[in-house]
Amino acid sequence: MTEVLNCRGLRCPKPVLKVAIKANSMPPGSTLEVHADCPSFSDDIKKWCENSGKVLISCVDNGGYQVATIQF
């Protein structure tokens, strides 16, 4: 199951905070695709995944915003 979380237009640290809140309802094995245009999102989400034990599958530029895929 993959869910999409749109965080475009939000500035640091709100995108990562929204991911942290969403993580509470994500079942093991599911994936979350996060769209964010905050300049520091790529680094922030990498650190959050490392600290929370989640797997950052990818974080790519999609023409003006980042798309991060996280496995829970």
PDB file of N, CA and C in Angstrom:
ATOM      1  N   MET A   1       0.835  -1.167   0.000  1.00  0.00           N
ATOM      2  CA  MET A   1       0.000   0.000   0.000  1.00  0.00           C
ATOM      3  C   MET A   1       0.893   1.247   0.000  1.00  0.00           C
ATOM      4  N   THR A   2       0.693   2.138  -0.950  1.00  0.00           N
ATOM      5  CA  THR A   2       1.435   3.390  -1.004  1.00  0.00           C
ATOM      6  C   THR A   2       0.471   4.552  -0.830  1.00  0.00           C
ATOM      7  N   GLU A   3       0.792   5.426   0.100  1.00  0.00           N
ATOM      8  CA  GLU A   3       0.005   6.633   0.301  1.00  0.00           C
ATOM      9  C   GLU A   3       0.832   7.822  -0.145  1.00  0.00           C
ATOM     10  N   VAL A   4       0.159   8.903  -0.522  1.00  0.00           N
ATOM     11  CA  VAL A   4       0.834  10.126  -0.946  1.00  0.00           C
ATOM     12  C   VAL A   4       0.519  11.225   0.059  1.00  0.00           C
ATOM     13  N   LEU A   5       1.567  11.934   0.468  1.00  0.00           N
ATOM     14  CA  LEU A   5       1.422  13.048   1.390  1.00  0.00           C
ATOM     15  C   LEU A   5       1.968  14.295   0.696  1.00  0.00           C
ATOM     16  N   ASN A   6       1.080  15.245   0.417  1.00  0.00           N
ATOM     17  CA  ASN A   6       1.477  16.461  -0.273  1.00  0.00           C
ATOM     18  C   ASN A   6       1.858  17.524   0.751  1.00  0.00           C
ATOM     19  N   CYS A   7       3.139  17.871   0.776  1.00  0.00           N
ATOM     20  CA  CYS A   7       3.643  18.904   1.692  1.00  0.00           C
ATOM     21  C   CYS A   7       4.172  20.107   0.928  1.00  0.00           C
ATOM     22  N   ARG A   8       3.783  20.233  -0.324  1.00  0.00           N
ATOM     23  CA  ARG A   8       4.239  21.373  -1.115  1.00  0.00           C
ATOM     24  C   ARG A   8       3.671  22.663  -0.537  1.00  0.00           C
ATOM     25  N   GLY A   9       4.518  23.684  -0.507  1.00  0.00           N
ATOM     26  CA  GLY A   9       4.113  24.966   0.041  1.00  0.00           C
ATOM     27  C   GLY A   9       4.411  25.119   1.520  1.00  0.00           C
ATOM     28  N   LEU A  10       4.802  24.035   2.180  1.00  0.00           N
ATOM     29  CA  LEU A  10       5.141  24.091   3.604  1.00  0.00           C
ATOM     30  C   LEU A  10       6.645  24.297   3.758  1.00  0.00           C
ATOM     31  N   ARG A  11       7.035  25.040   4.745  1.00  0.00           N
ATOM     32  CA  ARG A  11       8.445  25.302   4.999  1.00  0.00           C
ATOM     33  C   ARG A  11       8.930  24.519   6.212  1.00  0.00           C
ATOM     34  N   CYS A  12      10.214  24.298   6.232  1.00  0.00           N
ATOM     35  CA  CYS A  12      10.882  23.569   7.298  1.00  0.00           C
ATOM     36  C   CYS A  12      10.469  24.137   8.655  1.00  0.00           C
ATOM     37  N   PRO A  13      10.160  23.302   9.603  1.00  0.00           N
ATOM     38  CA  PRO A  13      10.247  21.840   9.626  1.00  0.00           C
ATOM     39  C   PRO A  13       8.913  21.137   9.366  1.00  0.00           C
ATOM     40  N   LYS A  14       7.909  21.847   8.863  1.00  0.00           N
ATOM     41  CA  LYS A  14       6.566  21.269   8.738  1.00  0.00           C
ATOM     42  C   LYS A  14       6.478  19.998   7.895  1.00  0.00           C
ATOM     43  N   PRO A  15       7.166  19.900   6.739  1.00  0.00           N
ATOM     44  CA  PRO A  15       7.037  18.648   5.978  1.00  0.00           C
ATOM     45  C   PRO A  15       7.463  17.413   6.776  1.00  0.00           C
ATOM     46  N   VAL A  16       8.588  17.511   7.478  1.00  0.00           N
ATOM     47  CA  VAL A  16       9.056  16.354   8.259  1.00  0.00           C
ATOM     48  C   VAL A  16       8.132  16.100   9.449  1.00  0.00           C
ATOM     49  N   LEU A  17       7.598  17.147  10.047  1.00  0.00           N
ATOM     50  CA  LEU A  17       6.640  16.957  11.142  1.00  0.00           C
ATOM     51  C   LEU A  17       5.389  16.244  10.656  1.00  0.00           C
ATOM     52  N   LYS A  18       4.917  16.590   9.466  1.00  0.00           N
ATOM     53  CA  LYS A  18       3.744  15.903   8.906  1.00  0.00           C
ATOM     54  C   LYS A  18       4.052  14.428   8.629  1.00  0.00           C
ATOM     55  N   VAL A  19       5.261  14.150   8.172  1.00  0.00           N
ATOM     56  CA  VAL A  19       5.673  12.759   7.956  1.00  0.00           C
ATOM     57  C   VAL A  19       5.697  12.011   9.284  1.00  0.00           C
ATOM     58  N   ALA A  20       6.245  12.641  10.317  1.00  0.00           N
ATOM     59  CA  ALA A  20       6.315  12.002  11.636  1.00  0.00           C
ATOM     60  C   ALA A  20       4.921  11.684  12.175  1.00  0.00           C
ATOM     61  N   ILE A  21       3.975  12.593  11.987  1.00  0.00           N
ATOM     62  CA  ILE A  21       2.600  12.354  12.427  1.00  0.00           C
ATOM     63  C   ILE A  21       1.969  11.223  11.619  1.00  0.00           C
ATOM     64  N   LYS A  22       2.161  11.260  10.310  1.00  0.00           N
ATOM     65  CA  LYS A  22       1.604  10.228   9.428  1.00  0.00           C
ATOM     66  C   LYS A  22       2.189   8.857   9.739  1.00  0.00           C
ATOM     67  N   ALA A  23       3.441   8.825  10.171  1.00  0.00           N
ATOM     68  CA  ALA A  23       4.120   7.556  10.475  1.00  0.00           C
ATOM     69  C   ALA A  23       3.371   6.744  11.519  1.00  0.00           C
ATOM     70  N   ASN A  24       2.669   7.430  12.410  1.00  0.00           N
ATOM     71  CA  ASN A  24       1.929   6.725  13.463  1.00  0.00           C
ATOM     72  C   ASN A  24       0.803   5.854  12.924  1.00  0.00           C
ATOM     73  N   SER A  25       0.315   6.168  11.727  1.00  0.00           N
ATOM     74  CA  SER A  25      -0.796   5.392  11.172  1.00  0.00           C
ATOM     75  C   SER A  25      -0.381   4.511   9.987  1.00  0.00           C
ATOM     76  N   MET A  26       0.918   4.457   9.714  1.00  0.00           N
ATOM     77  CA  MET A  26       1.392   3.646   8.579  1.00  0.00           C
ATOM     78  C   MET A  26       1.694   2.226   9.033  1.00  0.00           C
ATOM     79  N   PRO A  27       1.049   1.228   8.420  1.00  0.00           N
ATOM     80  CA  PRO A  27       1.321  -0.155   8.816  1.00  0.00           C
ATOM     81  C   PRO A  27       2.696  -0.615   8.316  1.00  0.00           C
ATOM     82  N   PRO A  28       3.311  -1.554   9.018  1.00  0.00           N
ATOM     83  CA  PRO A  28       4.604  -2.084   8.578  1.00  0.00           C
ATOM     84  C   PRO A  28       4.514  -2.637   7.151  1.00  0.00           C
ATOM     85  N   GLY A  29       5.542  -2.333   6.366  1.00  0.00           N
ATOM     86  CA  GLY A  29       5.582  -2.804   4.985  1.00  0.00           C
ATOM     87  C   GLY A  29       4.981  -1.828   3.986  1.00  0.00           C
ATOM     88  N   SER A  30       4.278  -0.816   4.468  1.00  0.00           N
ATOM     89  CA  SER A  30       3.669   0.151   3.558  1.00  0.00           C
ATOM     90  C   SER A  30       4.688   1.214   3.161  1.00  0.00           C
ATOM     91  N   THR A  31       4.352   1.979   2.129  1.00  0.00           N
ATOM     92  CA  THR A  31       5.230   3.054   1.685  1.00  0.00           C
ATOM     93  C   THR A  31       4.460   4.367   1.647  1.00  0.00           C
ATOM     94  N   LEU A  32       5.218   5.439   1.859  1.00  0.00           N
ATOM     95  CA  LEU A  32       4.673   6.779   1.829  1.00  0.00           C
ATOM     96  C   LEU A  32       5.470   7.583   0.817  1.00  0.00           C
ATOM     97  N   GLU A  33       4.768   8.217  -0.098  1.00  0.00           N
ATOM     98  CA  GLU A  33       5.395   9.096  -1.085  1.00  0.00           C
ATOM     99  C   GLU A  33       5.112  10.524  -0.644  1.00  0.00           C
ATOM    100  N   VAL A  34       6.168  11.277  -0.385  1.00  0.00           N
ATOM    101  CA  VAL A  34       6.039  12.632   0.137  1.00  0.00           C
ATOM    102  C   VAL A  34       6.494  13.621  -0.931  1.00  0.00           C
ATOM    103  N   HIS A  35       5.645  14.606  -1.209  1.00  0.00           N
ATOM    104  CA  HIS A  35       5.972  15.672  -2.161  1.00  0.00           C
ATOM    105  C   HIS A  35       6.219  16.935  -1.350  1.00  0.00           C
ATOM    106  N   ALA A  36       7.402  17.543  -1.511  1.00  0.00           N
ATOM    107  CA  ALA A  36       7.733  18.749  -0.745  1.00  0.00           C
ATOM    108  C   ALA A  36       8.655  19.647  -1.556  1.00  0.00           C
ATOM    109  N   ASP A  37       8.473  20.959  -1.381  1.00  0.00           N
ATOM    110  CA  ASP A  37       9.321  21.904  -2.096  1.00  0.00           C
ATOM    111  C   ASP A  37      10.161  22.770  -1.159  1.00  0.00           C
ATOM    112  N   CYS A  38      10.258  22.372   0.086  1.00  0.00           N
ATOM    113  CA  CYS A  38      11.117  23.051   1.049  1.00  0.00           C
ATOM    114  C   CYS A  38      12.578  22.794   0.656  1.00  0.00           C
ATOM    115  N   PRO A  39      13.416  23.829   0.605  1.00  0.00           N
ATOM    116  CA  PRO A  39      14.797  23.649   0.148  1.00  0.00           C
ATOM    117  C   PRO A  39      15.607  22.623   0.934  1.00  0.00           C
ATOM    118  N   SER A  40      15.338  22.473   2.223  1.00  0.00           N
ATOM    119  CA  SER A  40      16.132  21.539   3.028  1.00  0.00           C
ATOM    120  C   SER A  40      15.458  20.176   3.197  1.00  0.00           C
ATOM    121  N   PHE A  41      14.357  19.939   2.496  1.00  0.00           N
ATOM    122  CA  PHE A  41      13.586  18.703   2.709  1.00  0.00           C
ATOM    123  C   PHE A  41      14.416  17.447   2.483  1.00  0.00           C
ATOM    124  N   SER A  42      15.200  17.415   1.430  1.00  0.00           N
ATOM    125  CA  SER A  42      15.983  16.215   1.110  1.00  0.00           C
ATOM    126  C   SER A  42      16.890  15.813   2.278  1.00  0.00           C
ATOM    127  N   ASP A  43      17.637  16.755   2.810  1.00  0.00           N
ATOM    128  CA  ASP A  43      18.515  16.460   3.945  1.00  0.00           C
ATOM    129  C   ASP A  43      17.711  16.134   5.197  1.00  0.00           C
ATOM    130  N   ASP A  44      16.638  16.885   5.420  1.00  0.00           N
ATOM    131  CA  ASP A  44      15.819  16.677   6.618  1.00  0.00           C
ATOM    132  C   ASP A  44      15.176  15.292   6.640  1.00  0.00           C
ATOM    133  N   ILE A  45      14.652  14.853   5.499  1.00  0.00           N
ATOM    134  CA  ILE A  45      13.965  13.556   5.483  1.00  0.00           C
ATOM    135  C   ILE A  45      14.965  12.406   5.603  1.00  0.00           C
ATOM    136  N   LYS A  46      16.166  12.582   5.058  1.00  0.00           N
ATOM    137  CA  LYS A  46      17.219  11.561   5.231  1.00  0.00           C
ATOM    138  C   LYS A  46      17.548  11.391   6.708  1.00  0.00           C
ATOM    139  N   LYS A  47      17.727  12.513   7.408  1.00  0.00           N
ATOM    140  CA  LYS A  47      18.040  12.455   8.839  1.00  0.00           C
ATOM    141  C   LYS A  47      16.886  11.851   9.629  1.00  0.00           C
ATOM    142  N   TRP A  48      15.643  12.227   9.288  1.00  0.00           N
ATOM    143  CA  TRP A  48      14.498  11.684  10.007  1.00  0.00           C
ATOM    144  C   TRP A  48      14.413  10.170   9.837  1.00  0.00           C
ATOM    145  N   CYS A  49      14.617   9.702   8.607  1.00  0.00           N
ATOM    146  CA  CYS A  49      14.562   8.255   8.360  1.00  0.00           C
ATOM    147  C   CYS A  49      15.651   7.527   9.139  1.00  0.00           C
ATOM    148  N   GLU A  50      16.855   8.073   9.154  1.00  0.00           N
ATOM    149  CA  GLU A  50      17.944   7.447   9.922  1.00  0.00           C
ATOM    150  C   GLU A  50      17.600   7.387  11.408  1.00  0.00           C
ATOM    151  N   ASN A  51      17.072   8.484  11.943  1.00  0.00           N
ATOM    152  CA  ASN A  51      16.759   8.552  13.368  1.00  0.00           C
ATOM    153  C   ASN A  51      15.558   7.716  13.773  1.00  0.00           C
ATOM    154  N   SER A  52      14.621   7.513  12.849  1.00  0.00           N
ATOM    155  CA  SER A  52      13.393   6.786  13.192  1.00  0.00           C
ATOM    156  C   SER A  52      13.427   5.320  12.764  1.00  0.00           C
ATOM    157  N   GLY A  53      14.484   4.914  12.069  1.00  0.00           N
ATOM    158  CA  GLY A  53      14.598   3.522  11.645  1.00  0.00           C
ATOM    159  C   GLY A  53      13.754   3.181  10.426  1.00  0.00           C
ATOM    160  N   LYS A  54      13.316   4.179   9.682  1.00  0.00           N
ATOM    161  CA  LYS A  54      12.553   3.942   8.447  1.00  0.00           C
ATOM    162  C   LYS A  54      13.509   3.909   7.267  1.00  0.00           C
ATOM    163  N   VAL A  55      13.087   3.298   6.174  1.00  0.00           N
ATOM    164  CA  VAL A  55      13.937   3.150   4.996  1.00  0.00           C
ATOM    165  C   VAL A  55      13.568   4.209   3.960  1.00  0.00           C
ATOM    166  N   LEU A  56      14.526   5.069   3.648  1.00  0.00           N
ATOM    167  CA  LEU A  56      14.330   6.041   2.582  1.00  0.00           C
ATOM    168  C   LEU A  56      14.694   5.346   1.272  1.00  0.00           C
ATOM    169  N   ILE A  57      13.678   4.976   0.509  1.00  0.00           N
ATOM    170  CA  ILE A  57      13.894   4.258  -0.747  1.00  0.00           C
ATOM    171  C   ILE A  57      14.510   5.191  -1.785  1.00  0.00           C
ATOM    172  N   SER A  58      13.966   6.398  -1.880  1.00  0.00           N
ATOM    173  CA  SER A  58      14.510   7.375  -2.825  1.00  0.00           C
ATOM    174  C   SER A  58      14.058   8.771  -2.441  1.00  0.00           C
ATOM    175  N   CYS A  59      14.813   9.747  -2.926  1.00  0.00           N
ATOM    176  CA  CYS A  59      14.429  11.149  -2.790  1.00  0.00           C
ATOM    177  C   CYS A  59      14.962  11.837  -4.039  1.00  0.00           C
ATOM    178  N   VAL A  60      14.056  12.190  -4.943  1.00  0.00           N
ATOM    179  CA  VAL A  60      14.459  12.712  -6.245  1.00  0.00           C
ATOM    180  C   VAL A  60      13.791  14.052  -6.538  1.00  0.00           C
ATOM    181  N   ASP A  61      14.472  14.845  -7.343  1.00  0.00           N
ATOM    182  CA  ASP A  61      13.921  16.121  -7.785  1.00  0.00           C
ATOM    183  C   ASP A  61      12.924  15.845  -8.897  1.00  0.00           C
ATOM    184  N   ASN A  62      11.752  16.443  -8.787  1.00  0.00           N
ATOM    185  CA  ASN A  62      10.708  16.221  -9.783  1.00  0.00           C
ATOM    186  C   ASN A  62      10.307  17.555 -10.414  1.00  0.00           C
ATOM    187  N   GLY A  63      11.308  18.344 -10.781  1.00  0.00           N
ATOM    188  CA  GLY A  63      11.028  19.606 -11.441  1.00  0.00           C
ATOM    189  C   GLY A  63      10.428  20.652 -10.531  1.00  0.00           C
ATOM    190  N   GLY A  64      11.169  21.077  -9.526  1.00  0.00           N
ATOM    191  CA  GLY A  64      10.700  22.118  -8.629  1.00  0.00           C
ATOM    192  C   GLY A  64      10.271  21.628  -7.263  1.00  0.00           C
ATOM    193  N   TYR A  65      10.148  20.334  -7.100  1.00  0.00           N
ATOM    194  CA  TYR A  65       9.850  19.778  -5.779  1.00  0.00           C
ATOM    195  C   TYR A  65      10.479  18.400  -5.656  1.00  0.00           C
ATOM    196  N   GLN A  66      10.669  17.954  -4.424  1.00  0.00           N
ATOM    197  CA  GLN A  66      11.265  16.657  -4.142  1.00  0.00           C
ATOM    198  C   GLN A  66      10.172  15.622  -3.916  1.00  0.00           C
ATOM    199  N   VAL A  67      10.451  14.401  -4.351  1.00  0.00           N
ATOM    200  CA  VAL A  67       9.562  13.271  -4.073  1.00  0.00           C
ATOM    201  C   VAL A  67      10.369  12.234  -3.303  1.00  0.00           C
ATOM    202  N   ALA A  68       9.985  12.022  -2.065  1.00  0.00           N
ATOM    203  CA  ALA A  68      10.659  11.036  -1.208  1.00  0.00           C
ATOM    204  C   ALA A  68       9.738   9.835  -1.029  1.00  0.00           C
ATOM    205  N   THR A  69      10.310   8.650  -1.161  1.00  0.00           N
ATOM    206  CA  THR A  69       9.566   7.416  -0.936  1.00  0.00           C
ATOM    207  C   THR A  69      10.161   6.729   0.284  1.00  0.00           C
ATOM    208  N   ILE A  70       9.307   6.503   1.284  1.00  0.00           N
ATOM    209  CA  ILE A  70       9.740   5.949   2.567  1.00  0.00           C
ATOM    210  C   ILE A  70       9.006   4.642   2.810  1.00  0.00           C
ATOM    211  N   GLN A  71       9.776   3.625   3.231  1.00  0.00           N
ATOM    212  CA  GLN A  71       9.152   2.342   3.589  1.00  0.00           C
ATOM    213  C   GLN A  71       9.065   2.224   5.099  1.00  0.00           C
ATOM    214  N   PHE A  72       7.902   1.783   5.561  1.00  0.00           N
ATOM    215  CA  PHE A  72       7.657   1.605   6.979  1.00  0.00           C
ATOM    216  C   PHE A  72       7.687   0.157   7.373  1.00  0.00           C
TER     217      PHE A  72
END
